[in-house]
């Protein structure tokens, strides 16, 4: 019940921040338009990655940029969702994991340096992308390591296409107690408003302002606020203000990317490792019990001194637990 209450509180606060932005956007026409134009002029593209080898996958809905590192058995790393999120959260862990594996780390469609097609973003889009990426790019049965909501998509693919997924590492996953509900009427209204050119842009600019991102990263993502320096905030700010970024972020904030995994969990046959940061807030480490109950054969590793991105805050510890799990898997 505690985890459910936390989810309700999180949704309430998120809606409050979005509504505040919508009110600002609707208060007048001229001023918000000028502010939005000024932000658009100041926004710079997400800087090219300085880690791994950059590649581009020509997916049917647009190009997807991904980093590839190392040699050996394939590991596919999937980033979490939120304002400005992309594969940078995997950099430190990817560089360490590449010592014994071939690592793929894409910016998911609509995020980071990948194309941001003008489509309706939902869970099915990302599940289809994941299948296509595994078939066309990875081309071997892979260990999929997925953070947050991406873990729900990875689990669904593992159940639907088991020939593509060797094992799962689920990092602070969502889809059972949080981010599992279909959007309700309030969500649909917010989603519609966020897609409006003036009002929606103003609201998302408020939500993903530098102060908003500092609050998001220090209070909701990282356990150590000192890790959230100016460079990190600037990277997330650029990602949140790239041209075309509004559609994917609006879908995430209004619950259109949610995916319920209750039906898929009993059908999972691959080995699974669940990893949680001890200081994670949403979802809290107590939520791990729900995943272990649903996946009785899964292992759990709790990383000390980390929030919802233990791979970013404690990459050495994350590498160690992930490598032990991968090394113990049956031969591919």
Protein backbone atom coordinates (compact mmCIF):
# COMPACT_ATOMS: atom_id res chain seq x y z
CA UNK A 1 0.00 0.00 0.00
CA UNK A 2 2.89 2.38 0.72
CA UNK A 3 4.17 2.06 -2.84
CA UNK A 4 0.66 2.70 -4.23
CA UNK A 5 0.30 5.83 -2.10
CA UNK A 6 3.69 7.01 -3.32
CA UNK A 7 2.54 6.61 -6.91
CA UNK A 8 -0.62 8.61 -6.25
CA UNK A 9 1.38 11.37 -4.59
CA UNK A 10 3.85 11.44 -7.45
CA UNK A 11 1.05 11.74 -10.01
CA UNK A 12 -0.60 14.49 -7.97
CA UNK A 13 2.61 16.54 -7.81
CA UNK A 14 3.36 15.98 -11.49
CA UNK A 15 -0.13 17.10 -12.49
CA UNK A 16 0.20 20.18 -10.26
CA UNK A 17 3.42 21.21 -11.97
CA UNK A 18 1.93 20.59 -15.41
CA UNK A 19 -1.25 22.53 -14.60
CA UNK A 20 0.84 25.45 -13.34
CA UNK A 21 2.63 25.49 -16.66
CA UNK A 22 -0.66 25.26 -18.55
CA UNK A 23 -2.03 28.22 -16.60
CA UNK A 24 1.06 30.23 -17.44
CA UNK A 25 0.73 29.27 -21.09
CA UNK A 26 -2.94 30.23 -21.17
CA UNK A 27 -2.65 33.46 -19.20
CA UNK A 28 -1.80 35.47 -22.29
CA UNK A 29 -0.75 34.99 -25.86
CA UNK A 30 2.10 37.38 -26.55
CA UNK A 31 4.31 36.89 -23.51
CA UNK A 32 4.38 33.05 -23.50
CA UNK A 33 5.00 33.05 -27.24
CA UNK A 34 7.99 35.37 -26.82
CA UNK A 35 9.34 33.29 -23.94
CA UNK A 36 8.96 30.05 -25.90
CA UNK A 37 10.69 31.58 -28.90
CA UNK A 38 13.56 32.79 -26.73
CA UNK A 39 13.99 29.35 -25.17
CA UNK A 40 13.95 27.73 -28.62
CA UNK A 41 16.68 30.12 -29.80
CA UNK A 42 18.86 29.41 -26.76
CA UNK A 43 18.42 25.65 -26.91
CA UNK A 44 21.38 23.78 -28.37
CA UNK A 45 21.41 20.25 -29.68
CA UNK A 46 22.40 17.41 -27.37
CA UNK A 47 26.18 17.15 -27.58
CA UNK A 48 27.59 14.16 -29.50
CA UNK A 49 28.60 11.30 -27.22
CA UNK A 50 32.28 11.09 -26.38
CA UNK A 51 32.11 7.42 -25.34
CA UNK A 52 31.93 4.30 -27.44
CA UNK A 53 31.42 4.30 -31.21
CA UNK A 54 28.41 6.16 -32.52
CA UNK A 55 26.11 4.38 -34.97
CA UNK A 56 22.79 5.20 -36.59
CA UNK A 57 19.95 2.72 -37.10
CA UNK A 58 17.50 3.65 -39.87
CA UNK A 59 14.29 2.60 -38.15
CA UNK A 60 10.97 2.90 -39.99
CA UNK A 61 9.89 5.97 -37.98
CA UNK A 62 13.26 7.75 -37.99
CA UNK A 63 16.94 7.34 -37.29
CA UNK A 64 17.97 6.03 -33.88
CA UNK A 65 21.45 6.90 -32.60
CA UNK A 66 23.21 4.32 -30.45
CA UNK A 67 26.63 3.73 -28.91
CA UNK A 68 28.44 0.42 -29.32
CA UNK A 69 31.34 -0.65 -27.12
CA UNK A 70 33.41 -3.77 -26.54
CA UNK A 71 33.26 -7.30 -27.92
CA UNK A 72 31.64 -10.53 -26.79
CA UNK A 73 28.13 -11.51 -25.78
CA UNK A 74 25.63 -8.70 -26.46
CA UNK A 75 24.16 -6.47 -23.76
CA UNK A 76 21.42 -4.02 -24.72
CA UNK A 77 21.11 -1.07 -22.31
CA UNK A 78 17.79 0.82 -22.25
CA UNK A 79 17.51 4.18 -20.53
CA UNK A 80 14.74 5.50 -18.28
CA UNK A 81 12.21 8.17 -19.22
CA UNK A 82 11.85 11.73 -17.98
CA UNK A 83 12.66 15.30 -19.06
CA UNK A 84 15.92 15.22 -21.01
CA UNK A 85 16.63 11.54 -20.35
CA UNK A 86 18.73 9.52 -22.78
CA UNK A 87 21.51 6.94 -22.87
CA UNK A 88 23.99 9.18 -21.03
CA UNK A 89 22.79 7.56 -17.81
CA UNK A 90 24.52 4.36 -18.99
CA UNK A 91 27.89 5.87 -19.92
CA UNK A 92 29.90 4.96 -16.81
CA UNK A 93 28.42 1.47 -16.51
CA UNK A 94 28.67 0.79 -20.25
CA UNK A 95 32.37 1.58 -20.35
CA UNK A 96 32.95 -0.92 -17.56
CA UNK A 97 30.64 -3.61 -18.90
CA UNK A 98 32.34 -3.38 -22.30
CA UNK A 99 35.42 -5.05 -20.82
CA UNK A 100 33.68 -8.42 -21.23
CA UNK A 101 30.65 -7.84 -23.48
CA UNK A 102 29.52 -6.05 -26.60
CA UNK A 103 27.34 -3.21 -25.36
CA UNK A 104 24.58 -1.41 -27.28
CA UNK A 105 23.12 1.77 -25.78
CA UNK A 106 20.49 3.55 -27.91
CA UNK A 107 18.76 6.87 -27.40
CA UNK A 108 15.19 5.63 -27.69
CA UNK A 109 12.98 7.20 -30.39
CA UNK A 110 11.92 10.70 -29.37
CA UNK A 111 14.81 11.14 -26.91
CA UNK A 112 18.45 12.21 -26.90
CA UNK A 113 20.13 12.42 -30.30
CA UNK A 114 17.64 10.14 -32.05
CA UNK A 115 14.95 11.45 -34.38
CA UNK A 116 11.74 12.75 -32.83
CA UNK A 117 9.02 11.79 -35.29
CA UNK A 118 5.64 13.47 -35.01
CA UNK A 119 3.70 10.34 -34.01
CA UNK A 120 1.55 9.19 -31.11
CA UNK A 121 4.03 7.82 -28.57
CA UNK A 122 2.89 4.84 -26.51
CA UNK A 123 4.21 1.60 -25.05
CA UNK A 124 3.55 -0.37 -28.23
CA UNK A 125 5.80 1.92 -30.24
CA UNK A 126 8.75 1.19 -27.94
CA UNK A 127 8.03 -2.53 -27.78
CA UNK A 128 8.01 -2.66 -31.60
CA UNK A 129 11.22 -0.65 -31.74
CA UNK A 130 12.93 -2.96 -29.27
CA UNK A 131 12.03 -6.03 -31.31
CA UNK A 132 13.26 -4.39 -34.53
CA UNK A 133 16.51 -3.24 -32.91
CA UNK A 134 17.27 -6.71 -31.57
CA UNK A 135 16.53 -8.29 -34.96
CA UNK A 136 18.22 -5.73 -37.22
CA UNK A 137 21.12 -4.43 -35.12
CA UNK A 138 22.04 -6.80 -32.29
CA UNK A 139 21.27 -9.95 -34.35
CA UNK A 140 22.00 -12.30 -31.47
CA UNK A 141 20.10 -13.36 -28.38
CA UNK A 142 20.97 -10.62 -25.92
CA UNK A 143 20.89 -9.81 -22.25
CA UNK A 144 18.60 -6.77 -22.02
CA UNK A 145 19.35 -4.33 -19.21
CA UNK A 146 16.50 -1.86 -18.80
CA UNK A 147 15.86 1.03 -16.41
CA UNK A 148 12.51 2.27 -15.14
CA UNK A 149 9.62 2.06 -17.57
CA UNK A 150 11.86 0.57 -20.27
CA UNK A 151 12.06 -2.53 -18.05
CA UNK A 152 8.35 -3.18 -18.66
CA UNK A 153 8.93 -3.08 -22.42
CA UNK A 154 11.95 -5.38 -22.17
CA UNK A 155 9.97 -7.89 -20.12
CA UNK A 156 7.13 -7.86 -22.65
CA UNK A 157 9.55 -8.52 -25.51
CA UNK A 158 11.21 -11.33 -23.55
CA UNK A 159 7.83 -13.03 -23.19
CA UNK A 160 6.58 -12.38 -26.72
CA UNK A 161 9.87 -13.04 -28.53
CA UNK A 162 11.97 -15.30 -26.26
CA UNK A 163 14.34 -16.13 -29.13
CA UNK A 164 15.61 -12.53 -28.93
CA UNK A 165 16.21 -12.21 -25.18
CA UNK A 166 18.66 -14.38 -23.27
CA UNK A 167 18.09 -12.81 -19.84
CA UNK A 168 16.85 -9.63 -18.18
CA UNK A 169 18.40 -7.16 -15.77
CA UNK A 170 15.62 -4.89 -14.50
CA UNK A 171 16.80 -1.69 -12.83
CA UNK A 172 14.24 -0.05 -10.51
CA UNK A 173 11.56 -1.37 -12.87
CA UNK A 174 8.07 0.03 -13.35
CA UNK A 175 4.93 -1.70 -14.52
CA UNK A 176 3.51 -3.44 -11.44
CA UNK A 177 2.69 -0.87 -8.75
CA UNK A 178 3.70 2.22 -10.71
CA UNK A 179 3.21 3.25 -14.36
CA UNK A 180 0.87 0.31 -14.88
CA UNK A 181 -2.48 2.09 -15.20
CA UNK A 182 -4.12 3.10 -18.46
CA UNK A 183 -4.45 6.91 -18.82
CA UNK A 184 -7.70 8.20 -17.32
CA UNK A 185 -9.80 11.16 -18.47
CA UNK A 186 -7.62 13.66 -16.60
CA UNK A 187 -4.53 12.20 -18.23
CA UNK A 188 -6.16 12.42 -21.66
CA UNK A 189 -7.04 16.08 -21.14
CA UNK A 190 -3.52 16.91 -19.97
CA UNK A 191 -2.03 15.02 -22.90
CA UNK A 192 -4.22 16.93 -25.35
CA UNK A 193 -3.29 20.28 -23.80
CA UNK A 194 0.43 19.46 -23.73
CA UNK A 195 0.35 18.83 -27.48
CA UNK A 196 -1.01 22.35 -28.18
CA UNK A 197 1.68 24.54 -29.79
CA UNK A 198 1.53 27.52 -27.41
CA UNK A 199 -0.03 26.35 -24.17
CA UNK A 200 1.62 22.93 -24.22
CA UNK A 201 5.05 24.27 -25.12
CA UNK A 202 4.81 26.81 -22.28
CA UNK A 203 3.81 24.13 -19.79
CA UNK A 204 6.66 21.81 -20.78
CA UNK A 205 9.13 24.70 -20.71
CA UNK A 206 8.08 25.37 -17.12
CA UNK A 207 8.25 21.69 -16.19
CA UNK A 208 11.71 21.24 -17.75
CA UNK A 209 13.22 24.59 -16.76
CA UNK A 210 16.68 24.46 -15.26
CA UNK A 211 15.22 24.81 -11.77
CA UNK A 212 12.68 22.11 -12.57
CA UNK A 213 15.42 19.77 -13.78
CA UNK A 214 17.57 20.42 -10.71
CA UNK A 215 14.59 19.49 -8.54
CA UNK A 216 13.86 16.40 -10.67
CA UNK A 217 17.45 15.14 -10.65
CA UNK A 218 18.25 15.91 -7.02
CA UNK A 219 14.97 14.87 -5.45
CA UNK A 220 13.74 12.08 -7.71
CA UNK A 221 16.71 10.57 -9.54
CA UNK A 222 20.04 10.84 -7.70
CA UNK A 223 20.60 10.07 -4.04
CA UNK A 224 23.62 12.38 -3.83
CA UNK A 225 22.62 15.92 -4.91
CA UNK A 226 26.28 16.85 -5.39
CA UNK A 227 26.36 14.62 -8.47
CA UNK A 228 23.91 16.96 -10.15
CA UNK A 229 26.35 19.56 -11.40
CA UNK A 230 25.90 22.28 -14.00
CA UNK A 231 27.14 20.08 -16.83
CA UNK A 232 24.62 17.34 -16.09
CA UNK A 233 21.75 19.81 -15.79
CA UNK A 234 22.78 21.42 -19.09
CA UNK A 235 22.73 18.04 -20.85
CA UNK A 236 19.23 17.25 -19.60
CA UNK A 237 18.05 20.79 -20.43
CA UNK A 238 19.27 20.45 -24.01
CA UNK A 239 17.54 17.11 -24.40
CA UNK A 240 14.28 18.46 -23.00
CA UNK A 241 14.30 21.42 -25.41
CA UNK A 242 15.39 19.78 -28.66
CA UNK A 243 13.06 20.53 -31.54
CA UNK A 244 10.27 17.95 -31.56
CA UNK A 245 10.87 16.79 -27.98
CA UNK A 246 7.40 17.81 -26.77
CA UNK A 247 5.50 14.79 -28.11
CA UNK A 248 7.44 12.04 -26.31
CA UNK A 249 7.70 13.99 -23.05
CA UNK A 250 3.98 14.82 -23.12
CA UNK A 251 3.16 11.14 -23.63
CA UNK A 252 5.36 10.15 -20.70
CA UNK A 253 4.02 12.80 -18.31
CA UNK A 254 0.39 12.00 -19.09
CA UNK A 255 0.78 8.24 -18.66
CA UNK A 256 0.60 7.24 -22.31
CA UNK A 257 3.88 5.33 -22.04
CA UNK A 258 2.63 3.22 -19.11
CA UNK A 259 2.67 -0.53 -19.58
CA UNK A 260 1.13 -3.11 -17.27
CA UNK A 261 3.20 -6.28 -17.00
CA UNK A 262 0.95 -8.33 -14.72
CA UNK A 263 -0.13 -10.66 -17.52
CA UNK A 264 3.39 -11.09 -18.88
CA UNK A 265 5.18 -11.83 -15.61
CA UNK A 266 3.92 -15.42 -15.11
CA UNK A 267 5.03 -16.29 -18.65
CA UNK A 268 8.65 -15.16 -18.31
CA UNK A 269 11.04 -18.10 -18.65
CA UNK A 270 14.41 -16.35 -18.92
CA UNK A 271 16.65 -15.67 -15.91
CA UNK A 272 16.07 -12.25 -14.34
CA UNK A 273 18.06 -10.02 -12.03
CA UNK A 274 16.36 -7.10 -10.27
CA UNK A 275 18.66 -4.23 -9.22
CA UNK A 276 17.59 -1.39 -6.95
CA UNK A 277 19.27 1.66 -5.47
CA UNK A 278 18.94 1.65 -1.70
CA UNK A 279 17.98 5.34 -1.62
CA UNK A 280 15.55 5.20 -4.58
CA UNK A 281 12.43 7.30 -3.98
CA UNK A 282 10.07 6.48 -6.85
CA UNK A 283 9.93 3.56 -7.05
CA UNK A 284 11.25 2.84 -3.54
CA UNK A 285 13.33 -0.22 -2.76
CA UNK A 286 10.33 -1.74 -0.97
CA UNK A 287 8.72 -2.22 -4.38
CA UNK A 288 11.31 -4.91 -5.10
CA UNK A 289 9.22 -7.31 -2.99
CA UNK A 290 6.40 -7.11 -5.54
CA UNK A 291 8.76 -8.06 -8.36
CA UNK A 292 10.30 -10.94 -6.41
CA UNK A 293 6.84 -12.23 -5.55
CA UNK A 294 5.83 -12.08 -9.22
CA UNK A 295 9.15 -13.57 -10.37
CA UNK A 296 10.02 -16.15 -7.70
CA UNK A 297 13.10 -17.28 -9.61
CA UNK A 298 14.57 -13.78 -9.90
CA UNK A 299 17.57 -12.52 -7.95
CA UNK A 300 17.74 -9.16 -6.17
CA UNK A 301 20.75 -6.90 -5.72
CA UNK A 302 20.48 -3.65 -3.76
CA UNK A 303 23.15 -1.06 -4.49
CA UNK A 304 24.08 1.20 -1.60
CA UNK A 305 24.45 4.95 -2.08
CA UNK A 306 22.27 5.11 -5.18
CA UNK A 307 18.81 6.26 -6.22
CA UNK A 308 16.83 5.05 -9.22
CA UNK A 309 19.93 5.04 -11.46
CA UNK A 310 22.41 2.81 -9.60
CA UNK A 311 24.27 2.27 -12.89
CA UNK A 312 24.98 6.01 -13.04
CA UNK A 313 25.70 6.65 -9.35
CA UNK A 314 27.60 3.45 -8.52
CA UNK A 315 28.85 2.09 -11.88
CA UNK A 316 31.56 -0.11 -10.35
CA UNK A 317 29.11 -1.83 -8.03
CA UNK A 318 26.57 -2.15 -10.82
CA UNK A 319 29.16 -3.65 -13.16
CA UNK A 320 30.10 -6.19 -10.53
CA UNK A 321 26.55 -7.42 -9.90
CA UNK A 322 25.66 -7.42 -13.60
CA UNK A 323 28.86 -9.26 -14.57
CA UNK A 324 28.29 -11.96 -11.92
CA UNK A 325 24.79 -12.51 -13.21
CA UNK A 326 25.85 -12.66 -16.87
CA UNK A 327 28.80 -14.95 -16.14
CA UNK A 328 26.50 -17.41 -14.34
CA UNK A 329 24.07 -17.68 -17.29
CA UNK A 330 23.96 -20.92 -19.28
CA UNK A 331 26.10 -20.82 -22.39
CA UNK A 332 24.35 -18.90 -25.16
